[in-house]
Amino acid sequence: MKKKLSFLVVAMSLLCSPVFSQANADSTALLGLPGDNLDLYAVLTLFQKSKTIEDFEKSLNDEQSKINNLDLNLDKKVDFIKVETKQKDKDFTFILQVDVTEKEKQDVAVILVSKDKNEKVTMQIVGDEALYGKNYVIEPKPASTANPGYTGTQPATATAAAPTTTVVVVESAPIVQYVYSPVYVPYYPPYHYAYYPPYYAAFTVMAVSIYHHNNYYYHAGYHGGYGNTTVVVNNSNTYNNYNKSRNTSNTVNHNNVKGNYSGGNKASTNNLSNNKASTSNLSNSKASTNNKASTSNLSATSKSSSPSGAGRSMSGAGRSGGGGRRR
């Protein structure tokens, strides 16, 4: 009886395990671009709950937050991301930027915050095309939708399906209240390549699969992302003005062309799987041809009464990629 009970417990555990793993999985596909190492859903959540822009910059580059895993110069160390501010009336542009080399800067993403004549605030983050591809725009879902990643000090709450979640009302976000308050002082980072704040210490890049797992839960509170054409930039004038002075790096462009950022990610794995599938189909096709040839040989053998046989084998090959240099 005890043996039967033990077997039943083990069987039930095995049946429940796949369900648990699927419930905690995220379907957001990796891009095969450097943006896979900076989750903009997590970035926008961190931005909303920050008290000041300088506080946001500091938290973004804190190893403990596990949000910044970006390595544009491929030196195996996480890059420092500085935040530059531009303002025109009630429209703010917060530019996330990396000094890739002593002479090259690369914009990573831009956060757009605007207030219309009715005092309604909109907030979006747009990923740079070199890092995220075209039209990578993310915005908070309406206030009726829960955002489990938001932990601001002044959130508005509402009834939601999940009792542990908090609803985002953009106007109530600490950072929004700060930038539209009389005490707001524009922040201009004094940092540049090889000159960083005392609190910052370069840390090692983690595997993209681990990074993705650490941050996927932020995604539920937002619209947009790769391939979502229904979310467009709200303030196109501000964004177009930003694009006129957008910073791009030749080093990043070169690494993109060479595919140096795609090693080990899901996109590359899928391509590899497709290649393997094609190779397998090709092998099966050749095997069928060989079988037909064998049948012909067998017929010929039966007629001539002189046995003959032939065979051949196939072998595959793999490939590996490397990293870059330290700065």
Protein backbone atom coordinates (compact mmCIF):
# COMPACT_ATOMS: atom_id res chain seq x y z
CA MET A 1 0.00 0.00 0.00
CA LYS A 2 2.81 2.40 0.93
CA LYS A 3 4.56 1.67 -2.38
CA LYS A 4 1.38 2.48 -4.29
CA LEU A 5 0.96 5.79 -2.42
CA SER A 6 4.59 6.76 -3.07
CA PHE A 7 4.18 5.99 -6.78
CA LEU A 8 0.99 8.08 -6.89
CA VAL A 9 2.71 11.11 -5.26
CA VAL A 10 5.62 10.95 -7.73
CA ALA A 11 3.26 10.64 -10.69
CA MET A 12 1.22 13.66 -9.57
CA SER A 13 4.39 15.73 -9.11
CA LEU A 14 5.55 14.94 -12.63
CA LEU A 15 2.17 15.87 -14.06
CA CYS A 16 2.05 19.21 -12.21
CA SER A 17 5.61 20.32 -13.02
CA PRO A 18 5.07 21.27 -16.69
CA VAL A 19 1.96 23.28 -15.76
CA PHE A 20 3.90 25.30 -13.19
CA SER A 21 6.77 26.04 -15.56
CA GLN A 22 4.43 27.14 -18.35
CA ALA A 23 2.52 29.44 -15.99
CA ASN A 24 5.75 31.22 -15.08
CA ALA A 25 7.14 31.40 -18.61
CA ASP A 26 7.09 34.49 -20.81
CA SER A 27 6.27 34.29 -24.49
CA THR A 28 8.11 37.52 -25.39
CA ALA A 29 10.63 36.47 -28.01
CA LEU A 30 14.25 37.52 -27.88
CA LEU A 31 15.40 39.79 -30.69
CA GLY A 32 18.92 38.62 -31.47
CA LEU A 33 19.96 42.25 -30.83
CA PRO A 34 21.79 43.96 -27.96
CA GLY A 35 18.44 45.11 -26.54
CA ASP A 36 17.89 41.57 -25.24
CA ASN A 37 20.16 42.61 -22.36
CA LEU A 38 18.16 45.68 -21.33
CA ASP A 39 14.49 44.96 -20.67
CA LEU A 40 12.61 48.19 -21.42
CA TYR A 41 9.53 46.99 -19.54
CA ALA A 42 11.67 46.79 -16.40
CA VAL A 43 13.34 50.11 -17.22
CA LEU A 44 10.01 51.94 -17.53
CA THR A 45 8.81 50.43 -14.26
CA LEU A 46 11.98 51.59 -12.51
CA PHE A 47 11.60 55.04 -14.06
CA GLN A 48 8.04 55.46 -12.76
CA LYS A 49 8.89 54.65 -9.17
CA SER A 50 12.09 56.75 -9.03
CA LYS A 51 11.98 59.99 -7.03
CA THR A 52 14.36 61.95 -9.30
CA ILE A 53 16.14 61.45 -12.62
CA GLU A 54 19.47 61.08 -10.83
CA ASP A 55 17.91 58.44 -8.59
CA PHE A 56 16.66 56.62 -11.69
CA GLU A 57 20.12 56.68 -13.27
CA LYS A 58 21.71 55.34 -10.09
CA SER A 59 19.18 52.53 -9.65
CA LEU A 60 19.41 51.58 -13.32
CA ASN A 61 23.17 51.01 -12.98
CA ASP A 62 22.95 49.20 -9.66
CA GLU A 63 23.93 45.53 -9.91
CA GLN A 64 21.33 44.64 -7.28
CA SER A 65 18.44 45.84 -9.46
CA LYS A 66 19.38 43.25 -12.14
CA ILE A 67 17.90 45.48 -14.85
CA ASN A 68 21.00 46.64 -16.74
CA ASN A 69 22.84 43.78 -18.46
CA LEU A 70 23.95 45.75 -21.53
CA ASP A 71 27.40 45.21 -23.04
CA LEU A 72 27.74 47.14 -26.29
CA ASN A 73 31.54 46.99 -26.60
CA LEU A 74 31.59 43.26 -25.76
CA ASP A 75 34.14 43.50 -22.95
CA LYS A 76 32.08 41.10 -20.78
CA LYS A 77 31.27 43.98 -18.38
CA VAL A 78 27.93 45.78 -18.04
CA ASP A 79 27.96 49.29 -19.55
CA PHE A 80 27.15 52.41 -17.55
CA ILE A 81 23.95 54.02 -18.86
CA LYS A 82 23.63 57.75 -18.32
CA VAL A 83 20.38 59.67 -18.60
CA GLU A 84 20.26 62.99 -20.45
CA THR A 85 17.28 65.31 -20.19
CA LYS A 86 15.67 67.61 -22.74
CA GLN A 87 12.57 69.72 -22.11
CA LYS A 88 10.30 71.91 -24.16
CA ASP A 89 7.35 73.36 -22.25
CA LYS A 90 5.47 70.34 -20.82
CA ASP A 91 7.23 67.77 -22.98
CA PHE A 92 10.21 65.85 -21.58
CA THR A 93 12.71 63.63 -23.36
CA PHE A 94 14.92 61.39 -21.22
CA ILE A 95 17.68 59.80 -23.28
CA LEU A 96 19.37 56.61 -22.11
CA GLN A 97 22.90 56.64 -23.55
CA VAL A 98 26.14 54.63 -23.41
CA ASP A 99 29.66 55.85 -24.15
CA VAL A 100 30.79 52.85 -26.19
CA THR A 101 34.30 54.19 -26.77
CA GLU A 102 36.12 57.42 -25.99
CA LYS A 103 34.71 58.95 -29.19
CA GLU A 104 31.47 57.03 -29.79
CA LYS A 105 28.09 57.32 -28.06
CA GLN A 106 25.09 55.12 -28.63
CA ASP A 107 21.54 56.01 -27.64
CA VAL A 108 19.84 53.00 -26.08
CA ALA A 109 16.27 54.22 -25.67
CA VAL A 110 14.29 57.40 -25.10
CA ILE A 111 11.52 57.99 -22.55
CA LEU A 112 8.87 60.48 -23.64
CA VAL A 113 6.71 62.19 -21.01
CA SER A 114 4.10 64.74 -22.10
CA LYS A 115 1.16 66.60 -20.60
CA ASP A 116 -1.70 67.86 -22.75
CA LYS A 117 -3.99 70.87 -22.23
CA ASN A 118 -6.30 68.74 -20.09
CA GLU A 119 -3.40 67.87 -17.76
CA LYS A 120 -3.40 64.26 -18.97
CA VAL A 121 0.09 62.74 -18.86
CA THR A 122 1.33 60.16 -21.34
CA MET A 123 4.50 58.12 -20.98
CA GLN A 124 6.30 55.88 -23.49
CA ILE A 125 9.72 54.35 -23.95
CA VAL A 126 11.07 53.85 -27.47
CA GLY A 127 13.95 51.43 -28.05
CA ASP A 128 16.71 52.56 -30.39
CA GLU A 129 16.48 50.81 -33.76
CA ALA A 130 20.09 49.57 -33.55
CA LEU A 131 19.32 47.77 -30.29
CA TYR A 132 15.65 46.79 -30.62
CA GLY A 133 14.71 46.98 -34.28
CA LYS A 134 12.04 49.26 -35.76
CA ASN A 135 8.93 50.48 -33.94
CA TYR A 136 9.80 49.14 -30.49
CA VAL A 137 7.43 51.27 -28.41
CA ILE A 138 6.17 50.40 -24.90
CA GLU A 139 3.61 52.19 -22.77
CA PRO A 140 1.73 51.42 -19.53
CA LYS A 141 -1.64 49.74 -19.90
CA PRO A 142 -4.75 51.74 -18.91
CA ALA A 143 -5.42 52.21 -15.21
CA SER A 144 -7.89 49.31 -15.17
CA THR A 145 -5.04 46.88 -15.80
CA ALA A 146 -2.67 45.67 -13.10
CA ASN A 147 1.08 46.19 -13.28
CA PRO A 148 2.87 43.75 -10.92
CA GLY A 149 6.21 45.49 -11.39
CA TYR A 150 5.14 48.92 -10.11
CA THR A 151 6.08 49.61 -6.49
CA GLY A 152 5.86 53.41 -6.31
CA THR A 153 5.05 55.19 -3.08
CA GLN A 154 1.89 56.87 -4.40
CA PRO A 155 0.09 54.40 -6.66
CA ALA A 156 -3.65 54.49 -7.26
CA THR A 157 -5.29 51.16 -6.53
CA ALA A 158 -8.30 49.41 -8.00
CA THR A 159 -9.92 46.02 -7.95
CA ALA A 160 -7.98 43.58 -10.10
CA ALA A 161 -7.97 39.86 -10.80
CA ALA A 162 -4.68 39.38 -8.98
CA PRO A 163 -4.91 40.67 -5.39
CA THR A 164 -1.17 41.29 -5.08
CA THR A 165 -0.92 43.72 -8.03
CA THR A 166 -1.01 47.52 -8.07
CA VAL A 167 -2.60 49.63 -10.79
CA VAL A 168 -0.53 52.22 -12.61
CA VAL A 169 -1.88 55.74 -12.97
CA VAL A 170 0.86 57.63 -14.78
CA GLU A 171 -0.02 60.98 -13.19
CA SER A 172 0.55 59.43 -9.74
CA ALA A 173 4.01 58.04 -10.49
CA PRO A 174 6.64 59.69 -8.24
CA ILE A 175 8.86 60.65 -11.19
CA VAL A 176 5.94 62.35 -12.99
CA GLN A 177 4.93 64.31 -9.91
CA TYR A 178 8.57 65.37 -9.53
CA VAL A 179 9.23 66.62 -13.07
CA TYR A 180 6.00 68.63 -13.10
CA SER A 181 6.57 70.10 -9.65
CA PRO A 182 8.08 73.53 -8.79
CA VAL A 183 11.07 71.83 -7.14
CA TYR A 184 12.15 70.08 -10.36
CA VAL A 185 15.72 70.79 -11.40
CA PRO A 186 16.91 69.46 -14.80
CA TYR A 187 19.58 66.78 -14.42
CA TYR A 188 22.65 66.73 -16.66
CA PRO A 189 25.00 63.78 -16.03
CA PRO A 190 28.67 64.82 -15.74
CA TYR A 191 29.92 61.35 -16.68
CA HIS A 192 31.67 60.15 -19.83
CA TYR A 193 33.75 57.23 -21.09
CA ALA A 194 36.00 55.85 -18.31
CA TYR A 195 34.71 58.48 -15.88
CA TYR A 196 31.83 57.18 -13.82
CA PRO A 197 30.27 57.97 -10.42
CA PRO A 198 31.91 56.55 -7.27
CA TYR A 199 28.97 54.22 -6.61
CA TYR A 200 29.37 52.48 -9.97
CA ALA A 201 31.55 49.39 -10.36
CA ALA A 202 31.44 47.45 -13.61
CA PHE A 203 30.03 43.98 -13.05
CA THR A 204 30.00 40.85 -15.19
CA VAL A 205 27.32 40.30 -17.81
CA MET A 206 24.97 37.42 -17.02
CA ALA A 207 23.65 34.90 -19.55
CA VAL A 208 20.75 36.31 -21.54
CA SER A 209 18.49 33.37 -20.62
CA ILE A 210 19.00 34.06 -16.90
CA TYR A 211 18.53 37.81 -17.43
CA HIS A 212 15.30 37.21 -19.35
CA HIS A 213 13.97 34.98 -16.57
CA ASN A 214 14.78 37.61 -13.93
CA ASN A 215 12.73 40.32 -15.65
CA TYR A 216 9.87 38.74 -17.61
CA TYR A 217 7.29 39.42 -14.88
CA TYR A 218 7.45 43.19 -15.65
CA HIS A 219 5.86 42.63 -19.06
CA ALA A 220 2.27 42.12 -17.89
CA GLY A 221 1.69 45.80 -17.11
CA TYR A 222 2.46 47.18 -20.57
CA HIS A 223 1.40 47.38 -24.21
CA GLY A 224 3.74 47.24 -27.19
CA GLY A 225 7.14 45.76 -27.85
CA TYR A 226 8.61 44.12 -30.93
CA GLY A 227 6.25 43.65 -33.86
CA ASN A 228 3.33 45.46 -32.17
CA THR A 229 2.26 48.08 -34.70
CA THR A 230 -0.83 49.11 -32.70
CA VAL A 231 1.29 51.13 -30.26
CA VAL A 232 2.77 54.23 -31.92
CA VAL A 233 4.68 57.22 -30.60
CA ASN A 234 2.21 59.68 -29.06
CA ASN A 235 4.24 62.86 -29.30
CA SER A 236 5.68 62.54 -32.79
CA ASN A 237 6.97 66.14 -32.89
CA THR A 238 9.10 65.65 -29.77
CA TYR A 239 10.34 62.28 -31.02
CA ASN A 240 11.20 63.65 -34.47
CA ASN A 241 13.16 66.49 -32.88
CA TYR A 242 15.04 63.95 -30.79
CA ASN A 243 15.88 61.89 -33.89
CA LYS A 244 17.66 64.87 -35.44
CA SER A 245 20.41 64.59 -32.84
CA ARG A 246 20.23 60.84 -32.12
CA ASN A 247 23.62 59.29 -31.32
CA THR A 248 24.77 56.13 -33.09
CA SER A 249 28.00 54.13 -32.74
CA ASN A 250 30.00 52.60 -35.59
CA THR A 251 31.17 49.91 -33.16
CA VAL A 252 27.58 48.89 -32.40
CA ASN A 253 26.64 48.92 -36.09
CA HIS A 254 29.68 46.77 -36.93
CA ASN A 255 28.87 44.26 -34.19
CA ASN A 256 25.27 44.08 -35.39
CA VAL A 257 26.34 43.38 -38.97
CA LYS A 258 28.74 40.67 -37.77
CA GLY A 259 26.05 39.13 -35.55
CA ASN A 260 28.25 39.53 -32.48
CA TYR A 261 25.31 40.32 -30.19
CA SER A 262 23.21 37.28 -31.06
CA GLY A 263 25.38 34.52 -29.54
CA GLY A 264 23.43 32.20 -27.28
CA ASN A 265 20.07 33.90 -27.49
CA LYS A 266 16.70 32.49 -28.44
CA ALA A 267 16.70 33.94 -31.95
CA SER A 268 20.02 32.28 -32.76
CA THR A 269 18.84 29.03 -31.22
CA ASN A 270 15.72 29.09 -33.36
CA ASN A 271 17.78 29.69 -36.48
CA LEU A 272 20.07 26.87 -35.50
CA SER A 273 17.07 24.60 -34.91
CA ASN A 274 15.69 25.52 -38.31
CA ASN A 275 19.05 24.76 -39.89
CA LYS A 276 19.15 21.42 -38.12
CA ALA A 277 15.60 20.70 -39.25
CA SER A 278 16.57 21.53 -42.83
CA THR A 279 19.63 19.31 -42.55
CA SER A 280 17.47 16.53 -41.12
CA ASN A 281 14.97 16.85 -43.97
CA LEU A 282 17.81 16.84 -46.45
CA SER A 283 19.25 13.74 -44.81
CA ASN A 284 15.85 12.02 -44.93
CA SER A 285 15.51 12.97 -48.57
CA LYS A 286 18.92 11.55 -49.35
CA ALA A 287 18.10 8.47 -47.30
CA SER A 288 14.95 7.93 -49.38
CA THR A 289 17.00 8.27 -52.56
CA ASN A 290 19.52 5.78 -51.22
CA ASN A 291 16.71 3.38 -50.37
CA LYS A 292 15.41 3.68 -53.90
CA ALA A 293 18.91 3.03 -55.20
CA SER A 294 19.19 0.01 -52.92
CA THR A 295 15.90 -1.34 -54.28
CA SER A 296 17.19 -0.93 -57.82
CA ASN A 297 20.40 -2.70 -56.88
CA LEU A 298 18.40 -5.49 -55.29
CA SER A 299 16.37 -5.95 -58.47
CA ALA A 300 19.53 -5.96 -60.52
CA THR A 301 21.06 -8.44 -58.14
CA SER A 302 18.09 -10.76 -58.35
CA LYS A 303 18.26 -10.73 -62.12
CA SER A 304 22.00 -11.11 -62.45
CA SER A 305 22.50 -13.30 -59.36
CA SER A 306 25.60 -11.28 -58.52
CA PRO A 307 25.34 -9.54 -55.11
CA SER A 308 26.57 -6.00 -54.62
CA GLY A 309 26.09 -3.33 -51.93
CA ALA A 310 27.08 0.15 -51.08
CA GLY A 311 26.66 2.50 -48.17
CA ARG A 312 27.66 5.89 -47.06
CA SER A 313 27.45 8.00 -43.89
CA MET A 314 26.88 11.66 -43.18
CA SER A 315 28.26 13.80 -40.37
CA GLY A 316 27.30 17.28 -39.13
CA ALA A 317 29.32 20.20 -38.02
CA GLY A 318 28.89 22.91 -35.37
CA ARG A 319 29.95 26.43 -35.01
CA SER A 320 30.81 28.74 -32.11
CA GLY A 321 31.05 32.47 -31.60
CA GLY A 322 33.33 34.67 -29.56
CA GLY A 323 33.22 37.91 -27.67
CA GLY A 324 35.11 41.16 -27.91
CA ARG A 325 37.73 43.24 -26.13
CA ARG A 326 37.84 45.06 -22.84
CA ARG A 327 37.67 48.81 -22.82
